[in-house]
C-alpha atoms as a PDB file:
ATOM      1  CA  MET A   1       0.171   0.193  -0.035  1.00  0.00           C
ATOM      2  CA  SER A   2       1.098   3.465  -1.010  1.00  0.00           C
ATOM      3  CA  ARG A   3       1.482   6.103   1.620  1.00  0.00           C
ATOM      4  CA  PRO A   4      -0.304   8.952   1.337  1.00  0.00           C
ATOM      5  CA  LYS A   5       1.837  11.917  -0.337  1.00  0.00           C
ATOM      6  CA  HIS A   6       0.384  14.081   1.925  1.00  0.00           C
ATOM      7  CA  SER A   7       2.296  12.223   4.998  1.00  0.00           C
ATOM      8  CA  LEU A   8       5.515  12.618   5.830  1.00  0.00           C
ATOM      9  CA  PRO A   9       8.004   9.511   6.396  1.00  0.00           C
ATOM     10  CA  GLU A  10       9.029   8.579  10.513  1.00  0.00           C
ATOM     11  CA  PRO A  11      13.033   8.929  10.951  1.00  0.00           C
ATOM     12  CA  SER A  12      14.795   5.933  11.111  1.00  0.00           C
ATOM     13  CA  THR A  13      15.838   4.696  14.238  1.00  0.00           C
ATOM     14  CA  ASP A  14      19.888   5.214  12.744  1.00  0.00           C
ATOM     15  CA  ALA A  15      18.982   9.046  12.025  1.00  0.00           C
ATOM     16  CA  ILE A  16      17.513   9.339  15.390  1.00  0.00           C
ATOM     17  CA  LEU A  17      20.372   7.696  17.040  1.00  0.00           C
ATOM     18  CA  ARG A  18      22.834  10.082  14.528  1.00  0.00           C
ATOM     19  CA  HIS A  19      20.700  12.952  15.575  1.00  0.00           C
ATOM     20  CA  TRP A  20      21.427  12.339  19.791  1.00  0.00           C
ATOM     21  CA  ARG A  21      24.538  11.555  19.398  1.00  0.00           C
ATOM     22  CA  GLU A  22      26.631  13.202  16.895  1.00  0.00           C
ATOM     23  CA  ALA A  23      24.037  16.495  15.797  1.00  0.00           C
ATOM     24  CA  VAL A  24      22.653  17.292  19.304  1.00  0.00           C
ATOM     25  CA  PRO A  25      24.318  15.193  22.481  1.00  0.00           C
ATOM     26  CA  ASN A  26      23.547  17.393  25.242  1.00  0.00           C
ATOM     27  CA  ASP A  27      19.899  18.647  23.710  1.00  0.00           C
ATOM     28  CA  ARG A  28      17.001  19.346  26.031  1.00  0.00           C
ATOM     29  CA  LEU A  29      16.255  16.285  27.846  1.00  0.00           C
ATOM     30  CA  ALA A  30      12.292  16.616  26.969  1.00  0.00           C
ATOM     31  CA  HIS A  31      13.342  15.517  23.176  1.00  0.00           C
ATOM     32  CA  LEU A  32      15.243  12.492  24.702  1.00  0.00           C
ATOM     33  CA  VAL A  33      12.004  11.884  26.129  1.00  0.00           C
ATOM     34  CA  LYS A  34       9.910  12.629  23.555  1.00  0.00           C
ATOM     35  CA  ASP A  35      11.801  10.262  21.530  1.00  0.00           C
ATOM     36  CA  ALA A  36      11.933   7.090  23.362  1.00  0.00           C
ATOM     37  CA  THR A  37       7.951   7.566  23.795  1.00  0.00           C
ATOM     38  CA  ARG A  38       7.580   7.756  20.357  1.00  0.00           C
ATOM     39  CA  GLY A  39       9.494   4.354  20.001  1.00  0.00           C
ATOM     40  CA  LEU A  40       7.853   2.212  22.800  1.00  0.00           C
ATOM     41  CA  VAL A  41       4.395   3.898  21.429  1.00  0.00           C
ATOM     42  CA  ARG A  42       5.295   2.682  17.938  1.00  0.00           C
ATOM     43  CA  ALA A  43       6.338  -0.884  19.202  1.00  0.00           C
ATOM     44  CA  LEU A  44       3.165  -1.445  21.328  1.00  0.00           C
ATOM     45  CA  GLN A  45       1.039   0.225  18.635  1.00  0.00           C
ATOM     46  CA  GLY A  46       2.266  -2.533  16.180  1.00  0.00           C
ATOM     47  CA  ARG A  47       1.688  -5.570  18.196  1.00  0.00           C
ATOM     48  CA  LEU A  48      -1.829  -4.228  19.247  1.00  0.00           C
ATOM     49  CA  SER A  49      -3.284  -3.803  15.568  1.00  0.00           C
ATOM     50  CA  GLY A  50      -3.120  -7.870  15.876  1.00  0.00           C
ATOM     51  CA  TYR A  51      -5.733  -7.468  18.468  1.00  0.00           C
ATOM     52  CA  SER A  52      -7.513  -4.404  15.987  1.00  0.00           C
ATOM     53  CA  VAL A  53      -7.169  -2.321  19.448  1.00  0.00           C
ATOM     54  CA  SER A  54      -5.940   1.182  19.281  1.00  0.00           C
ATOM     55  CA  PHE A  55      -3.489   2.758  21.374  1.00  0.00           C
ATOM     56  CA  GLY A  56      -6.016   4.995  22.067  1.00  0.00           C
ATOM     57  CA  HIS A  57      -8.075   2.370  23.267  1.00  0.00           C
ATOM     58  CA  TRP A  58      -5.156   0.771  25.516  1.00  0.00           C
ATOM     59  CA  THR A  59      -5.017   3.857  27.303  1.00  0.00           C
ATOM     60  CA  PHE A  60      -8.242   3.693  28.520  1.00  0.00           C
ATOM     61  CA  LEU A  61      -8.688   0.099  28.620  1.00  0.00           C
ATOM     62  CA  ARG A  62      -5.416  -0.113  30.892  1.00  0.00           C
ATOM     63  CA  ILE A  63      -7.248   2.629  33.200  1.00  0.00           C
ATOM     64  CA  LEU A  64     -10.702   0.505  33.330  1.00  0.00           C
ATOM     65  CA  TRP A  65      -8.797  -2.628  34.200  1.00  0.00           C
ATOM     66  CA  GLU A  66      -7.559  -0.969  37.221  1.00  0.00           C
ATOM     67  CA  THR A  67     -10.524   0.499  38.463  1.00  0.00           C
ATOM     68  CA  ASP A  68     -14.267  -0.693  36.646  1.00  0.00           C
ATOM     69  CA  GLY A  69     -16.810   1.695  36.614  1.00  0.00           C
ATOM     70  CA  LEU A  70     -15.297   5.394  36.239  1.00  0.00           C
ATOM     71  CA  THR A  71     -16.785   8.234  35.001  1.00  0.00           C
ATOM     72  CA  GLN A  72     -15.846  10.000  31.610  1.00  0.00           C
ATOM     73  CA  ARG A  73     -14.835  12.772  33.447  1.00  0.00           C
ATOM     74  CA  GLU A  74     -12.640  10.887  35.920  1.00  0.00           C
ATOM     75  CA  LEU A  75     -11.200   8.619  32.622  1.00  0.00           C
ATOM     76  CA  SER A  76      -9.937  11.830  31.382  1.00  0.00           C
ATOM     77  CA  GLU A  77      -8.036  12.952  33.938  1.00  0.00           C
ATOM     78  CA  GLN A  78      -6.329   9.788  34.543  1.00  0.00           C
ATOM     79  CA  ALA A  79      -5.163   9.259  30.883  1.00  0.00           C
ATOM     80  CA  GLY A  80      -4.547  13.054  30.466  1.00  0.00           C
ATOM     81  CA  VAL A  81      -6.700  13.478  27.232  1.00  0.00           C
ATOM     82  CA  MET A  82      -9.519  16.186  26.899  1.00  0.00           C
ATOM     83  CA  GLU A  83     -13.139  14.559  27.359  1.00  0.00           C
ATOM     84  CA  PRO A  84     -13.939  15.318  23.489  1.00  0.00           C
ATOM     85  CA  THR A  85     -11.315  12.795  22.878  1.00  0.00           C
ATOM     86  CA  THR A  86     -12.434  10.056  25.500  1.00  0.00           C
ATOM     87  CA  PHE A  87     -16.347  10.551  24.647  1.00  0.00           C
ATOM     88  CA  SER A  88     -15.123   9.642  20.551  1.00  0.00           C
ATOM     89  CA  ALA A  89     -13.132   6.945  22.180  1.00  0.00           C
ATOM     90  CA  LEU A  90     -15.748   5.066  24.005  1.00  0.00           C
ATOM     91  CA  LYS A  91     -18.397   5.348  21.229  1.00  0.00           C
ATOM     92  CA  ALA A  92     -16.045   3.293  19.309  1.00  0.00           C
ATOM     93  CA  MET A  93     -14.693   1.184  22.153  1.00  0.00           C
ATOM     94  CA  GLU A  94     -18.644   0.669  23.466  1.00  0.00           C
ATOM     95  CA  LYS A  95     -18.822  -0.522  19.163  1.00  0.00           C
ATOM     96  CA  LEU A  96     -16.554  -3.210  19.624  1.00  0.00           C
ATOM     97  CA  GLY A  97     -17.825  -4.542  22.781  1.00  0.00           C
ATOM     98  CA  TYR A  98     -15.003  -3.584  24.675  1.00  0.00           C
ATOM     99  CA  ILE A  99     -17.258  -1.222  27.437  1.00  0.00           C
ATOM    100  CA  ARG A 100     -21.045  -0.288  28.269  1.00  0.00           C
ATOM    101  CA  ARG A 101     -21.194   3.310  29.419  1.00  0.00           C
ATOM    102  CA  ARG A 102     -24.232   3.625  31.942  1.00  0.00           C
ATOM    103  CA  HIS A 103     -26.049   5.747  34.381  1.00  0.00           C
ATOM    104  CA  LEU A 104     -26.210   4.328  38.504  1.00  0.00           C
ATOM    105  CA  PRO A 105     -29.526   4.715  40.037  1.00  0.00           C
ATOM    106  CA  ASP A 106     -28.136   7.091  42.255  1.00  0.00           C
ATOM    107  CA  ASN A 107     -27.215   9.649  39.759  1.00  0.00           C
ATOM    108  CA  ARG A 108     -28.634  10.246  36.321  1.00  0.00           C
ATOM    109  CA  LYS A 109     -25.954  13.144  35.710  1.00  0.00           C
ATOM    110  CA  ASN A 110     -22.671  11.379  35.330  1.00  0.00           C
ATOM    111  CA  VAL A 111     -22.047   8.464  32.687  1.00  0.00           C
ATOM    112  CA  HIS A 112     -20.128   5.288  34.285  1.00  0.00           C
ATOM    113  CA  VAL A 113     -17.564   3.450  32.164  1.00  0.00           C
ATOM    114  CA  PHE A 114     -17.873  -0.169  32.649  1.00  0.00           C
ATOM    115  CA  LEU A 115     -15.841  -2.997  31.414  1.00  0.00           C
ATOM    116  CA  THR A 116     -17.510  -6.177  29.281  1.00  0.00           C
ATOM    117  CA  PRO A 117     -16.859  -9.609  29.323  1.00  0.00           C
ATOM    118  CA  LYS A 118     -14.780  -9.542  26.092  1.00  0.00           C
ATOM    119  CA  GLY A 119     -12.958  -5.785  27.187  1.00  0.00           C
ATOM    120  CA  ARG A 120     -12.081  -7.706  30.066  1.00  0.00           C
ATOM    121  CA  ALA A 121     -10.986 -10.414  28.646  1.00  0.00           C
ATOM    122  CA  LEU A 122      -8.281  -8.726  26.765  1.00  0.00           C
ATOM    123  CA  LYS A 123      -6.181  -7.664  29.353  1.00  0.00           C
ATOM    124  CA  SER A 124      -4.010 -11.293  29.370  1.00  0.00           C
ATOM    125  CA  LYS A 125      -3.903 -10.765  25.714  1.00  0.00           C
ATOM    126  CA  LEU A 126      -2.424  -7.476  25.785  1.00  0.00           C
ATOM    127  CA  VAL A 127      -0.693  -6.423  29.277  1.00  0.00           C
ATOM    128  CA  PRO A 128       2.041  -9.689  27.598  1.00  0.00           C
ATOM    129  CA  LEU A 129       2.568  -7.306  24.833  1.00  0.00           C
ATOM    130  CA  ALA A 130       3.182  -3.920  26.805  1.00  0.00           C
ATOM    131  CA  GLU A 131       5.758  -6.078  28.616  1.00  0.00           C
ATOM    132  CA  GLU A 132       7.498  -7.751  26.198  1.00  0.00           C
ATOM    133  CA  VAL A 133       7.509  -3.994  24.859  1.00  0.00           C
ATOM    134  CA  ASN A 134       9.468  -3.267  28.121  1.00  0.00           C
ATOM    135  CA  ARG A 135      11.666  -5.829  27.844  1.00  0.00           C
ATOM    136  CA  ILE A 136      13.225  -5.044  24.477  1.00  0.00           C
ATOM    137  CA  ALA A 137      13.359  -1.473  25.519  1.00  0.00           C
ATOM    138  CA  MET A 138      15.543  -2.510  28.983  1.00  0.00           C
ATOM    139  CA  GLN A 139      17.762  -5.173  26.998  1.00  0.00           C
ATOM    140  CA  ASP A 140      21.471  -4.513  28.210  1.00  0.00           C
ATOM    141  CA  VAL A 141      20.316  -1.338  30.773  1.00  0.00           C
ATOM    142  CA  ALA A 142      21.911  -2.344  33.512  1.00  0.00           C
ATOM    143  CA  PRO A 143      19.255  -2.439  36.490  1.00  0.00           C
ATOM    144  CA  ALA A 144      20.697   0.386  38.675  1.00  0.00           C
ATOM    145  CA  ASP A 145      20.503   2.415  35.630  1.00  0.00           C
ATOM    146  CA  ILE A 146      16.923   1.245  35.158  1.00  0.00           C
ATOM    147  CA  SER A 147      16.067   2.431  38.575  1.00  0.00           C
ATOM    148  CA  ALA A 148      17.735   5.905  38.354  1.00  0.00           C
ATOM    149  CA  VAL A 149      15.729   6.886  35.345  1.00  0.00           C
ATOM    150  CA  ARG A 150      12.810   5.565  37.114  1.00  0.00           C
ATOM    151  CA  ARG A 151      13.158   8.204  39.878  1.00  0.00           C
ATOM    152  CA  SER A 152      14.420  10.848  38.063  1.00  0.00           C
ATOM    153  CA  LEU A 153      10.885  10.779  35.521  1.00  0.00           C
ATOM    154  CA  LEU A 154       9.022  10.776  39.048  1.00  0.00           C
ATOM    155  CA  ALA A 155      10.852  13.853  39.968  1.00  0.00           C
ATOM    156  CA  MET A 156      10.515  15.052  36.989  1.00  0.00           C
ATOM    157  CA  ILE A 157       6.538  14.663  36.730  1.00  0.00           C
ATOM    158  CA  GLU A 158       6.685  15.649  40.142  1.00  0.00           C
ATOM    159  CA  ASN A 159       8.167  18.931  39.767  1.00  0.00           C
ATOM    160  CA  LEU A 160       6.353  20.194  36.720  1.00  0.00           C
ATOM    161  CA  ALA A 161       3.307  19.080  38.597  1.00  0.00           C
ATOM    162  CA  ARG A 162       4.320  21.449  41.484  1.00  0.00           C
ATOM    163  CA  ASN A 163       5.173  24.394  39.036  1.00  0.00           C
ATOM    164  CA  ASP A 164       1.391  23.941  37.140  1.00  0.00           C
ATOM    165  CA  LEU A 165      -0.183  24.502  40.985  1.00  0.00           C
ATOM    166  CA  GLU A 166       1.880  27.080  41.808  1.00  0.00           C
ATOM    167  CA  SER A 167       1.674  28.764  38.525  1.00  0.00           C
ATOM    168  CA  GLY A 168      -2.272  28.462  38.362  1.00  0.00           C
ATOM    169  CA  LYS A 169      -2.293  26.423  34.917  1.00  0.00           C
ATOM    170  CA  LYS A 170      -4.439  23.952  36.500  1.00  0.00           C
ATOM    171  CA  HIS A 171      -7.185  25.810  36.432  1.00  0.00           C
ATOM    172  CA  ARG A 172      -6.948  27.507  32.506  1.00  0.00           C
ATOM    173  CA  ARG A 173      -8.350  25.788  29.895  1.00  0.00           C
ATOM    174  CA  ILE A 174      -5.512  24.217  27.193  1.00  0.00           C
ATOM    175  CA  LEU A 175      -6.553  24.882  23.848  1.00  0.00           C
ATOM    176  CA  SER A 176      -6.123  21.931  21.664  1.00  0.00           C
ATOM    177  CA  THR A 177      -4.080  21.789  18.197  1.00  0.00           C
ATOM    178  CA  HIS A 178      -7.213  22.404  15.865  1.00  0.00           C
ATOM    179  CA  GLU A 179      -8.428  25.397  17.928  1.00  0.00           C
ATOM    180  CA  LEU A 180      -4.872  26.832  17.784  1.00  0.00           C
ATOM    181  CA  SER A 181      -5.343  26.429  14.241  1.00  0.00           C
ATOM    182  CA  ARG A 182      -8.098  28.134  14.090  1.00  0.00           C
ATOM    183  CA  ILE A 183      -7.261  31.329  15.910  1.00  0.00           C
ATOM    184  CA  VAL A 184      -4.198  31.361  13.464  1.00  0.00           C
ATOM    185  CA  ALA A 185      -6.443  31.235  10.393  1.00  0.00           C
ATOM    186  CA  ASN A 186      -9.007  33.445  11.960  1.00  0.00           C
ATOM    187  CA  ALA A 187      -5.972  35.900  12.536  1.00  0.00           C
ATOM    188  CA  GLY A 188      -4.440  35.755   9.411  1.00  0.00           C
ATOM    189  CA  ASN A 189      -8.064  36.304   7.303  1.00  0.00           C
ATOM    190  CA  GLY A 190      -8.475  39.814   9.586  1.00  0.00           C
ATOM    191  CA  THR A 191      -5.198  40.733   8.659  1.00  0.00           C
ATOM    192  CA  ARG A 192      -5.498  40.183   5.047  1.00  0.00           C
ATOM    193  CA  ALA A 193      -9.185  41.664   5.571  1.00  0.00           C
ATOM    194  CA  ARG A 194      -8.143  44.565   7.171  1.00  0.00           C
ATOM    195  CA  ALA A 195      -4.693  45.238   3.996  1.00  0.00           C
ATOM    196  CA  ARG A 196      -7.848  44.553   1.041  1.00  0.00           C
ATOM    197  CA  ARG A 197      -9.799  47.324   3.021  1.00  0.00           C
ATOM    198  CA  LEU A 198      -7.121  49.733   2.736  1.00  0.00           C
ATOM    199  CA  SER A 199      -5.722  48.998  -0.577  1.00  0.00           C
ATOM    200  CA  SER A 200      -9.408  50.014  -2.140  1.00  0.00           C
END
């Protein structure tokens, strides 16, 4: 199958390693974490596709396997995604028979999400795939180094969460990429309209 013309090819592993080892060996840690995450996600996505499960669905399944019956809002918060994204994913997962959504008798306002037997059964099939990806990523890495990375990443997560709270960003709505694009496009339209008025 040919690649759509508008899509860009994924950078090869060799190119990524060359970038880090030769071009910018001291670049920001955030970029290194991003490339590691992209590699982990790509490896898991390829395995999940064998079971017709998307990476987005995997994110919600993982949460529900631990805590079934959460509300859509709670799922959004735990997954770290916007509620419209959660709503779309859950609609698709319901059609696939992985979950069911329902109101509880004592609360007609909130929609709770429950795994079906089919959704729960996926755990025994999919978790080993994630464990395999982790084993591959960690091969030849010393246990002491893995512990150090874990401690460092947890400290970074805590530092950034604390910074969010201190700066008040937790209460500020974050715009989606789509919304930002629309704002930029509208700003450009306004500029062009003003230019036309001035030139006429």
